[in-house]
Amino acid sequence: MAAKTTRKPLIAANWKMNFNTSEAVQFAKKFKGLISEVSNTDILICAPFTCLESLKSALSGSKVKLGAQNLFYEEQGTFTGEISARMISPYCTHVIVGHSERRKLFNESNSDVNRKIKKALEQKLTPILCIGESLEERKAGKTKQVLEKKLSECLKGISKDQAKNIVLTYEPIWAISKGKNDIAKSEAASPKTAQEGHAFLRSLFAAHFGKESAENVLILYGGSMKPANVKQLMAEEDIDGGLVGGASLDPESLSKVVKFGVD
């Protein structure tokens, strides 16, 4: 595979269901100053739908991009409570799809995720596709089988050209922190274990879309990246950044992740 230096790292904050609009704007104002000198890493905040318009204004002039945490696979219609790609595209460059919480709590299938990816791409949004295994699946030795099935079904019908606009996230579900208050309790995968998952996903991507596509696709780590482990994780060849949950809820903490743990 290509040297890692050819892929610019991406740190993406996933705020989940946290912050109202005023809280989000206050975060943005402080965060901008903390990362003003960062130039070698792309930065993304995936915020609640209600915050996107205000955050776009608050982050204007900064290098921070915005993403959404979900979307629906229809453009419009009688779908009470849903948000379409067309509605978020004026504010966002990216959108998370297939997060383990969406799969578990809201019963999203690989087919649902596939339809969401296609709709996101139609609206020029970059889908961040989350793929990972549960603790039970890992203990049963099914990690590779699970990853292969999810990637294959979620990217069914995606062309090689479209694949250039997709970001992957290796999301070992067993390693995810459940929120701001238990960051220290989560058992993040070791850098070696995380690297194994990333390398396998890259090999799967190569099998579907070719070696060149696989060399260029960004694969983020989605298993509790935080200031204490980011430097070690980012040293691995196939880890290109992180989808950061609990550690993204404080501007200081997120800025340290963006700087790879360096104050």
C-alpha atoms as a PDB file:
ATOM      1  CA  MET A   1       0.000   0.000   0.000  1.00  0.00           C
ATOM      2  CA  ALA A   2       0.974   3.655  -0.390  1.00  0.00           C
ATOM      3  CA  ALA A   3       2.880   5.398   2.354  1.00  0.00           C
ATOM      4  CA  LYS A   4       0.637   6.904   4.974  1.00  0.00           C
ATOM      5  CA  THR A   5       2.038  10.363   4.296  1.00  0.00           C
ATOM      6  CA  THR A   6       0.024  10.464   1.058  1.00  0.00           C
ATOM      7  CA  ARG A   7      -3.221  10.491   3.084  1.00  0.00           C
ATOM      8  CA  LYS A   8      -3.989  13.643   5.071  1.00  0.00           C
ATOM      9  CA  PRO A   9      -5.337  12.737   8.519  1.00  0.00           C
ATOM     10  CA  LEU A  10      -8.919  13.535   9.486  1.00  0.00           C
ATOM     11  CA  ILE A  11     -10.148  13.989  13.035  1.00  0.00           C
ATOM     12  CA  ALA A  12     -13.955  13.935  13.124  1.00  0.00           C
ATOM     13  CA  ALA A  13     -15.851  14.776  16.305  1.00  0.00           C
ATOM     14  CA  ASN A  14     -19.125  12.929  16.827  1.00  0.00           C
ATOM     15  CA  TRP A  15     -21.080  14.943  19.370  1.00  0.00           C
ATOM     16  CA  LYS A  16     -23.989  12.472  19.347  1.00  0.00           C
ATOM     17  CA  MET A  17     -27.036  13.857  21.256  1.00  0.00           C
ATOM     18  CA  ASN A  18     -25.171  16.604  23.107  1.00  0.00           C
ATOM     19  CA  PHE A  19     -25.249  20.436  23.078  1.00  0.00           C
ATOM     20  CA  ASN A  20     -28.024  22.838  22.272  1.00  0.00           C
ATOM     21  CA  THR A  21     -27.358  25.640  19.800  1.00  0.00           C
ATOM     22  CA  SER A  22     -25.916  28.164  22.273  1.00  0.00           C
ATOM     23  CA  GLU A  23     -23.652  25.527  23.839  1.00  0.00           C
ATOM     24  CA  ALA A  24     -22.428  24.449  20.409  1.00  0.00           C
ATOM     25  CA  VAL A  25     -21.617  28.030  19.419  1.00  0.00           C
ATOM     26  CA  GLN A  26     -19.678  28.601  22.651  1.00  0.00           C
ATOM     27  CA  PHE A  27     -17.713  25.410  21.979  1.00  0.00           C
ATOM     28  CA  ALA A  28     -16.925  26.562  18.448  1.00  0.00           C
ATOM     29  CA  LYS A  29     -15.670  29.961  19.574  1.00  0.00           C
ATOM     30  CA  LYS A  30     -13.232  28.431  22.047  1.00  0.00           C
ATOM     31  CA  PHE A  31     -12.182  25.542  19.815  1.00  0.00           C
ATOM     32  CA  LYS A  32     -11.283  27.781  16.876  1.00  0.00           C
ATOM     33  CA  GLY A  33      -8.612  29.493  18.907  1.00  0.00           C
ATOM     34  CA  LEU A  34      -7.169  26.249  20.199  1.00  0.00           C
ATOM     35  CA  ILE A  35      -6.560  24.757  16.748  1.00  0.00           C
ATOM     36  CA  SER A  36      -5.706  27.892  14.762  1.00  0.00           C
ATOM     37  CA  GLU A  37      -2.120  26.727  14.177  1.00  0.00           C
ATOM     38  CA  VAL A  38      -3.010  23.203  13.018  1.00  0.00           C
ATOM     39  CA  SER A  39      -2.298  22.722   9.312  1.00  0.00           C
ATOM     40  CA  ASN A  40      -1.475  19.052   8.794  1.00  0.00           C
ATOM     41  CA  THR A  41      -4.840  17.589   9.803  1.00  0.00           C
ATOM     42  CA  ASP A  42      -8.383  18.030   8.518  1.00  0.00           C
ATOM     43  CA  ILE A  43     -10.950  18.725  11.255  1.00  0.00           C
ATOM     44  CA  LEU A  44     -14.653  17.912  11.199  1.00  0.00           C
ATOM     45  CA  ILE A  45     -17.439  18.325  13.751  1.00  0.00           C
ATOM     46  CA  CYS A  46     -20.501  16.119  13.303  1.00  0.00           C
ATOM     47  CA  ALA A  47     -23.144  18.002  15.246  1.00  0.00           C
ATOM     48  CA  PRO A  48     -26.877  17.609  15.932  1.00  0.00           C
ATOM     49  CA  PHE A  49     -29.083  18.820  13.077  1.00  0.00           C
ATOM     50  CA  THR A  50     -30.372  21.726  15.184  1.00  0.00           C
ATOM     51  CA  CYS A  51     -26.884  23.201  15.554  1.00  0.00           C
ATOM     52  CA  LEU A  52     -25.655  23.027  11.965  1.00  0.00           C
ATOM     53  CA  GLU A  53     -26.741  26.420  10.677  1.00  0.00           C
ATOM     54  CA  SER A  54     -25.481  28.310  13.739  1.00  0.00           C
ATOM     55  CA  LEU A  55     -22.230  26.344  13.781  1.00  0.00           C
ATOM     56  CA  LYS A  56     -21.566  27.095  10.138  1.00  0.00           C
ATOM     57  CA  SER A  57     -21.718  30.778  10.978  1.00  0.00           C
ATOM     58  CA  ALA A  58     -19.680  30.402  14.192  1.00  0.00           C
ATOM     59  CA  LEU A  59     -16.941  28.427  12.425  1.00  0.00           C
ATOM     60  CA  SER A  60     -16.767  30.725   9.412  1.00  0.00           C
ATOM     61  CA  GLY A  61     -13.179  31.555   8.534  1.00  0.00           C
ATOM     62  CA  SER A  62     -11.797  28.526  10.371  1.00  0.00           C
ATOM     63  CA  LYS A  63     -10.523  25.247   8.945  1.00  0.00           C
ATOM     64  CA  VAL A  64     -13.209  23.236  10.742  1.00  0.00           C
ATOM     65  CA  LYS A  65     -15.751  21.521   8.506  1.00  0.00           C
ATOM     66  CA  LEU A  66     -19.218  20.340   9.504  1.00  0.00           C
ATOM     67  CA  GLY A  67     -20.871  16.965   9.229  1.00  0.00           C
ATOM     68  CA  ALA A  68     -24.235  15.496  10.174  1.00  0.00           C
ATOM     69  CA  GLN A  69     -24.705  12.356  12.255  1.00  0.00           C
ATOM     70  CA  ASN A  70     -27.341  10.713  10.090  1.00  0.00           C
ATOM     71  CA  LEU A  71     -29.693  11.183   7.148  1.00  0.00           C
ATOM     72  CA  PHE A  72     -32.683   9.454   5.584  1.00  0.00           C
ATOM     73  CA  TYR A  73     -32.507   7.753   2.203  1.00  0.00           C
ATOM     74  CA  GLU A  74     -35.495   9.527   0.649  1.00  0.00           C
ATOM     75  CA  GLU A  75     -35.326  13.078  -0.663  1.00  0.00           C
ATOM     76  CA  GLN A  76     -38.636  14.295   0.761  1.00  0.00           C
ATOM     77  CA  GLY A  77     -42.106  13.117   1.691  1.00  0.00           C
ATOM     78  CA  THR A  78     -44.223  11.654   4.479  1.00  0.00           C
ATOM     79  CA  PHE A  79     -41.388  10.606   6.799  1.00  0.00           C
ATOM     80  CA  THR A  80     -42.121  12.357  10.079  1.00  0.00           C
ATOM     81  CA  GLY A  81     -38.996  13.200  12.035  1.00  0.00           C
ATOM     82  CA  GLU A  82     -36.486  12.350   9.300  1.00  0.00           C
ATOM     83  CA  ILE A  83     -33.853  14.598   7.686  1.00  0.00           C
ATOM     84  CA  SER A  84     -32.853  14.326   4.031  1.00  0.00           C
ATOM     85  CA  ALA A  85     -29.457  14.781   2.425  1.00  0.00           C
ATOM     86  CA  ARG A  86     -30.853  17.797   0.578  1.00  0.00           C
ATOM     87  CA  MET A  87     -31.704  19.456   3.899  1.00  0.00           C
ATOM     88  CA  ILE A  88     -28.227  19.115   5.392  1.00  0.00           C
ATOM     89  CA  SER A  89     -26.075  19.616   2.303  1.00  0.00           C
ATOM     90  CA  PRO A  90     -26.085  23.457   2.547  1.00  0.00           C
ATOM     91  CA  TYR A  91     -24.264  23.175   5.875  1.00  0.00           C
ATOM     92  CA  CYS A  92     -22.249  19.961   5.704  1.00  0.00           C
ATOM     93  CA  THR A  93     -19.470  18.318   3.763  1.00  0.00           C
ATOM     94  CA  HIS A  94     -19.786  14.909   5.494  1.00  0.00           C
ATOM     95  CA  VAL A  95     -22.374  12.666   7.104  1.00  0.00           C
ATOM     96  CA  ILE A  96     -21.981   9.642   9.391  1.00  0.00           C
ATOM     97  CA  VAL A  97     -23.756   6.498   8.211  1.00  0.00           C
ATOM     98  CA  GLY A  98     -24.065   3.082   9.814  1.00  0.00           C
ATOM     99  CA  HIS A  99     -22.887   4.027  13.290  1.00  0.00           C
ATOM    100  CA  SER A 100     -23.260   1.118  15.715  1.00  0.00           C
ATOM    101  CA  GLU A 101     -25.753   3.078  17.813  1.00  0.00           C
ATOM    102  CA  ARG A 102     -27.979   3.562  14.773  1.00  0.00           C
ATOM    103  CA  ARG A 103     -27.736  -0.123  13.956  1.00  0.00           C
ATOM    104  CA  LYS A 104     -28.421  -1.316  17.515  1.00  0.00           C
ATOM    105  CA  LEU A 105     -30.920   1.237  18.835  1.00  0.00           C
ATOM    106  CA  PHE A 106     -32.797   1.967  15.612  1.00  0.00           C
ATOM    107  CA  ASN A 107     -32.407  -1.379  13.828  1.00  0.00           C
ATOM    108  CA  GLU A 108     -30.663   0.019  10.765  1.00  0.00           C
ATOM    109  CA  SER A 109     -29.695  -2.734   8.346  1.00  0.00           C
ATOM    110  CA  ASN A 110     -26.814  -2.873   5.892  1.00  0.00           C
ATOM    111  CA  SER A 111     -29.419  -2.284   3.179  1.00  0.00           C
ATOM    112  CA  ASP A 112     -30.589   0.902   4.914  1.00  0.00           C
ATOM    113  CA  VAL A 113     -26.992   2.094   5.196  1.00  0.00           C
ATOM    114  CA  ASN A 114     -26.392   1.342   1.523  1.00  0.00           C
ATOM    115  CA  ARG A 115     -29.366   3.478   0.499  1.00  0.00           C
ATOM    116  CA  LYS A 116     -28.183   6.311   2.753  1.00  0.00           C
ATOM    117  CA  ILE A 117     -24.696   6.245   1.244  1.00  0.00           C
ATOM    118  CA  LYS A 118     -26.102   6.497  -2.265  1.00  0.00           C
ATOM    119  CA  LYS A 119     -28.352   9.414  -1.313  1.00  0.00           C
ATOM    120  CA  ALA A 120     -25.471  11.213   0.411  1.00  0.00           C
ATOM    121  CA  LEU A 121     -23.283  10.840  -2.669  1.00  0.00           C
ATOM    122  CA  GLU A 122     -26.087  12.201  -4.864  1.00  0.00           C
ATOM    123  CA  GLN A 123     -25.989  15.395  -2.800  1.00  0.00           C
ATOM    124  CA  LYS A 124     -22.168  15.640  -2.916  1.00  0.00           C
ATOM    125  CA  LEU A 125     -21.818  14.685   0.751  1.00  0.00           C
ATOM    126  CA  THR A 126     -18.946  12.459   1.892  1.00  0.00           C
ATOM    127  CA  PRO A 127     -20.337   9.454   3.766  1.00  0.00           C
ATOM    128  CA  ILE A 128     -18.362   8.273   6.798  1.00  0.00           C
ATOM    129  CA  LEU A 129     -19.230   4.580   6.843  1.00  0.00           C
ATOM    130  CA  CYS A 130     -18.868   2.891  10.236  1.00  0.00           C
ATOM    131  CA  ILE A 131     -18.064  -0.825  10.305  1.00  0.00           C
ATOM    132  CA  GLY A 132     -17.178  -2.921  13.318  1.00  0.00           C
ATOM    133  CA  GLU A 133     -17.793  -6.022  15.395  1.00  0.00           C
ATOM    134  CA  SER A 134     -19.385  -6.577  18.787  1.00  0.00           C
ATOM    135  CA  LEU A 135     -17.612  -8.208  21.724  1.00  0.00           C
ATOM    136  CA  GLU A 136     -19.602 -11.395  21.175  1.00  0.00           C
ATOM    137  CA  GLU A 137     -18.650 -11.519  17.497  1.00  0.00           C
ATOM    138  CA  ARG A 138     -15.010 -10.901  18.331  1.00  0.00           C
ATOM    139  CA  LYS A 139     -14.942 -13.626  20.982  1.00  0.00           C
ATOM    140  CA  ALA A 140     -16.508 -16.018  18.476  1.00  0.00           C
ATOM    141  CA  GLY A 141     -13.702 -15.334  15.996  1.00  0.00           C
ATOM    142  CA  LYS A 142     -16.088 -13.684  13.514  1.00  0.00           C
ATOM    143  CA  THR A 143     -14.448 -10.261  13.231  1.00  0.00           C
ATOM    144  CA  LYS A 144     -13.291 -10.623   9.625  1.00  0.00           C
ATOM    145  CA  GLN A 145     -16.539 -12.274   8.577  1.00  0.00           C
ATOM    146  CA  VAL A 146     -18.573  -9.434  10.095  1.00  0.00           C
ATOM    147  CA  LEU A 147     -16.407  -6.706   8.562  1.00  0.00           C
ATOM    148  CA  GLU A 148     -16.517  -8.318   5.134  1.00  0.00           C
ATOM    149  CA  LYS A 149     -20.304  -8.715   5.176  1.00  0.00           C
ATOM    150  CA  LYS A 150     -20.934  -5.160   6.345  1.00  0.00           C
ATOM    151  CA  LEU A 151     -18.563  -3.558   3.842  1.00  0.00           C
ATOM    152  CA  SER A 152     -19.831  -5.635   0.948  1.00  0.00           C
ATOM    153  CA  GLU A 153     -23.511  -5.011   1.654  1.00  0.00           C
ATOM    154  CA  CYS A 154     -23.164  -1.361   2.631  1.00  0.00           C
ATOM    155  CA  LEU A 155     -21.205  -0.549  -0.531  1.00  0.00           C
ATOM    156  CA  LYS A 156     -23.277  -2.687  -2.914  1.00  0.00           C
ATOM    157  CA  GLY A 157     -23.755  -0.922  -6.238  1.00  0.00           C
ATOM    158  CA  ILE A 158     -21.188   1.786  -5.469  1.00  0.00           C
ATOM    159  CA  SER A 159     -18.934   2.504  -8.439  1.00  0.00           C
ATOM    160  CA  LYS A 160     -15.176   2.798  -8.328  1.00  0.00           C
ATOM    161  CA  ASP A 161     -15.513   6.507  -9.044  1.00  0.00           C
ATOM    162  CA  GLN A 162     -18.029   6.988  -6.208  1.00  0.00           C
ATOM    163  CA  ALA A 163     -15.795   5.046  -3.826  1.00  0.00           C
ATOM    164  CA  LYS A 164     -13.240   7.869  -4.024  1.00  0.00           C
ATOM    165  CA  ASN A 165     -15.661  10.025  -2.034  1.00  0.00           C
ATOM    166  CA  ILE A 166     -16.190   7.629   0.882  1.00  0.00           C
ATOM    167  CA  VAL A 167     -14.463   7.589   4.271  1.00  0.00           C
ATOM    168  CA  LEU A 168     -14.392   4.392   6.333  1.00  0.00           C
ATOM    169  CA  THR A 169     -14.376   4.066  10.102  1.00  0.00           C
ATOM    170  CA  TYR A 170     -13.271   0.914  11.896  1.00  0.00           C
ATOM    171  CA  GLU A 171     -15.624   0.864  14.864  1.00  0.00           C
ATOM    172  CA  PRO A 172     -14.838  -1.973  17.295  1.00  0.00           C
ATOM    173  CA  ILE A 173     -18.121  -1.744  19.190  1.00  0.00           C
ATOM    174  CA  TRP A 174     -16.616  -3.345  22.282  1.00  0.00           C
ATOM    175  CA  ALA A 175     -14.155  -0.453  22.614  1.00  0.00           C
ATOM    176  CA  ILE A 176     -16.568   2.476  22.419  1.00  0.00           C
ATOM    177  CA  SER A 177     -16.968   4.850  25.346  1.00  0.00           C
ATOM    178  CA  LYS A 178     -20.592   5.492  26.241  1.00  0.00           C
ATOM    179  CA  GLY A 179     -20.200   9.188  26.993  1.00  0.00           C
ATOM    180  CA  LYS A 180     -18.320  12.054  28.537  1.00  0.00           C
ATOM    181  CA  ASN A 181     -18.396  10.673  32.074  1.00  0.00           C
ATOM    182  CA  ASP A 182     -16.851   7.294  31.381  1.00  0.00           C
ATOM    183  CA  ILE A 183     -14.033   8.155  28.964  1.00  0.00           C
ATOM    184  CA  ALA A 184     -11.508   6.686  31.366  1.00  0.00           C
ATOM    185  CA  LYS A 185     -13.493   3.452  31.735  1.00  0.00           C
ATOM    186  CA  SER A 186     -13.599   2.478  28.077  1.00  0.00           C
ATOM    187  CA  GLU A 187     -11.051  -0.103  26.963  1.00  0.00           C
ATOM    188  CA  ALA A 188      -9.825   1.188  23.644  1.00  0.00           C
ATOM    189  CA  ALA A 189      -8.314  -1.360  21.314  1.00  0.00           C
ATOM    190  CA  SER A 190      -4.537  -1.515  21.444  1.00  0.00           C
ATOM    191  CA  PRO A 191      -2.795   0.214  18.540  1.00  0.00           C
ATOM    192  CA  LYS A 192      -1.835  -3.232  17.214  1.00  0.00           C
ATOM    193  CA  THR A 193      -5.417  -4.511  17.361  1.00  0.00           C
ATOM    194  CA  ALA A 194      -6.771  -1.333  15.808  1.00  0.00           C
ATOM    195  CA  GLN A 195      -4.176  -1.522  13.026  1.00  0.00           C
ATOM    196  CA  GLU A 196      -5.188  -5.100  12.245  1.00  0.00           C
ATOM    197  CA  GLY A 197      -8.794  -4.009  11.773  1.00  0.00           C
ATOM    198  CA  HIS A 198      -7.810  -1.055   9.600  1.00  0.00           C
ATOM    199  CA  ALA A 199      -5.470  -3.119   7.451  1.00  0.00           C
ATOM    200  CA  PHE A 200      -8.160  -5.727   6.889  1.00  0.00           C
ATOM    201  CA  LEU A 201     -10.722  -3.086   5.891  1.00  0.00           C
ATOM    202  CA  ARG A 202      -8.204  -1.602   3.458  1.00  0.00           C
ATOM    203  CA  SER A 203      -7.667  -5.024   1.904  1.00  0.00           C
ATOM    204  CA  LEU A 204     -11.431  -5.464   1.528  1.00  0.00           C
ATOM    205  CA  PHE A 205     -11.713  -2.041  -0.096  1.00  0.00           C
ATOM    206  CA  ALA A 206      -8.943  -3.024  -2.516  1.00  0.00           C
ATOM    207  CA  ALA A 207     -10.806  -6.208  -3.429  1.00  0.00           C
ATOM    208  CA  HIS A 208     -13.916  -4.186  -4.275  1.00  0.00           C
ATOM    209  CA  PHE A 209     -12.462  -1.051  -5.835  1.00  0.00           C
ATOM    210  CA  GLY A 210      -8.827  -1.721  -6.683  1.00  0.00           C
ATOM    211  CA  LYS A 211      -5.447  -1.094  -5.103  1.00  0.00           C
ATOM    212  CA  GLU A 212      -5.259   2.602  -5.958  1.00  0.00           C
ATOM    213  CA  SER A 213      -8.635   3.331  -4.356  1.00  0.00           C
ATOM    214  CA  ALA A 214      -7.597   1.417  -1.245  1.00  0.00           C
ATOM    215  CA  GLU A 215      -4.324   3.327  -1.006  1.00  0.00           C
ATOM    216  CA  ASN A 216      -6.204   6.617  -0.942  1.00  0.00           C
ATOM    217  CA  VAL A 217      -9.275   5.845   1.168  1.00  0.00           C
ATOM    218  CA  LEU A 218      -9.211   7.324   4.665  1.00  0.00           C
ATOM    219  CA  ILE A 219      -9.903   4.827   7.452  1.00  0.00           C
ATOM    220  CA  LEU A 220     -10.661   6.402  10.816  1.00  0.00           C
ATOM    221  CA  TYR A 221     -10.533   4.713  14.203  1.00  0.00           C
ATOM    222  CA  GLY A 222     -13.876   4.777  15.996  1.00  0.00           C
ATOM    223  CA  GLY A 223     -13.099   3.005  19.256  1.00  0.00           C
ATOM    224  CA  SER A 224     -12.554   5.674  21.920  1.00  0.00           C
ATOM    225  CA  MET A 225      -9.730   7.792  20.549  1.00  0.00           C
ATOM    226  CA  LYS A 226      -8.629  10.381  23.134  1.00  0.00           C
ATOM    227  CA  PRO A 227      -5.598  12.499  24.072  1.00  0.00           C
ATOM    228  CA  ALA A 228      -3.973   9.649  25.983  1.00  0.00           C
ATOM    229  CA  ASN A 229      -3.886   7.207  23.047  1.00  0.00           C
ATOM    230  CA  VAL A 230      -4.110   9.281  19.873  1.00  0.00           C
ATOM    231  CA  LYS A 231      -0.352   9.537  19.287  1.00  0.00           C
ATOM    232  CA  GLN A 232       0.142   5.770  19.490  1.00  0.00           C
ATOM    233  CA  LEU A 233      -2.870   5.047  17.298  1.00  0.00           C
ATOM    234  CA  MET A 234      -1.886   7.588  14.660  1.00  0.00           C
ATOM    235  CA  ALA A 235       1.590   6.043  14.411  1.00  0.00           C
ATOM    236  CA  GLU A 236       0.041   2.951  12.817  1.00  0.00           C
ATOM    237  CA  GLU A 237       0.286   2.682   9.049  1.00  0.00           C
ATOM    238  CA  ASP A 238      -3.405   2.267   8.229  1.00  0.00           C
ATOM    239  CA  ILE A 239      -4.974   4.550  10.853  1.00  0.00           C
ATOM    240  CA  ASP A 240      -5.729   7.854   9.143  1.00  0.00           C
ATOM    241  CA  GLY A 241      -7.572   9.666  11.911  1.00  0.00           C
ATOM    242  CA  GLY A 242     -10.438   9.161  14.281  1.00  0.00           C
ATOM    243  CA  LEU A 243     -14.174   9.423  14.763  1.00  0.00           C
ATOM    244  CA  VAL A 244     -14.050  10.840  18.276  1.00  0.00           C
ATOM    245  CA  GLY A 245     -16.995  10.525  20.664  1.00  0.00           C
ATOM    246  CA  GLY A 246     -16.661  11.271  24.378  1.00  0.00           C
ATOM    247  CA  ALA A 247     -13.325  13.060  24.037  1.00  0.00           C
ATOM    248  CA  SER A 248     -14.879  15.505  21.558  1.00  0.00           C
ATOM    249  CA  LEU A 249     -17.275  17.036  24.093  1.00  0.00           C
ATOM    250  CA  ASP A 250     -14.662  19.366  25.561  1.00  0.00           C
ATOM    251  CA  PRO A 251     -12.783  21.862  23.362  1.00  0.00           C
ATOM    252  CA  GLU A 252      -9.487  21.353  25.176  1.00  0.00           C
ATOM    253  CA  SER A 253      -9.737  17.567  24.902  1.00  0.00           C
ATOM    254  CA  LEU A 254     -10.665  17.640  21.218  1.00  0.00           C
ATOM    255  CA  SER A 255      -7.874  20.093  20.436  1.00  0.00           C
ATOM    256  CA  LYS A 256      -5.370  17.706  22.015  1.00  0.00           C
ATOM    257  CA  VAL A 257      -6.658  14.858  19.852  1.00  0.00           C
ATOM    258  CA  VAL A 258      -6.366  17.065  16.770  1.00  0.00           C
ATOM    259  CA  LYS A 259      -2.760  17.795  17.777  1.00  0.00           C
ATOM    260  CA  PHE A 260      -2.122  14.070  18.348  1.00  0.00           C
ATOM    261  CA  GLY A 261      -1.874  14.433  22.111  1.00  0.00           C
ATOM    262  CA  VAL A 262       0.614  17.299  22.060  1.00  0.00           C
ATOM    263  CA  ASP A 263      -0.364  20.367  24.125  1.00  0.00           C
END
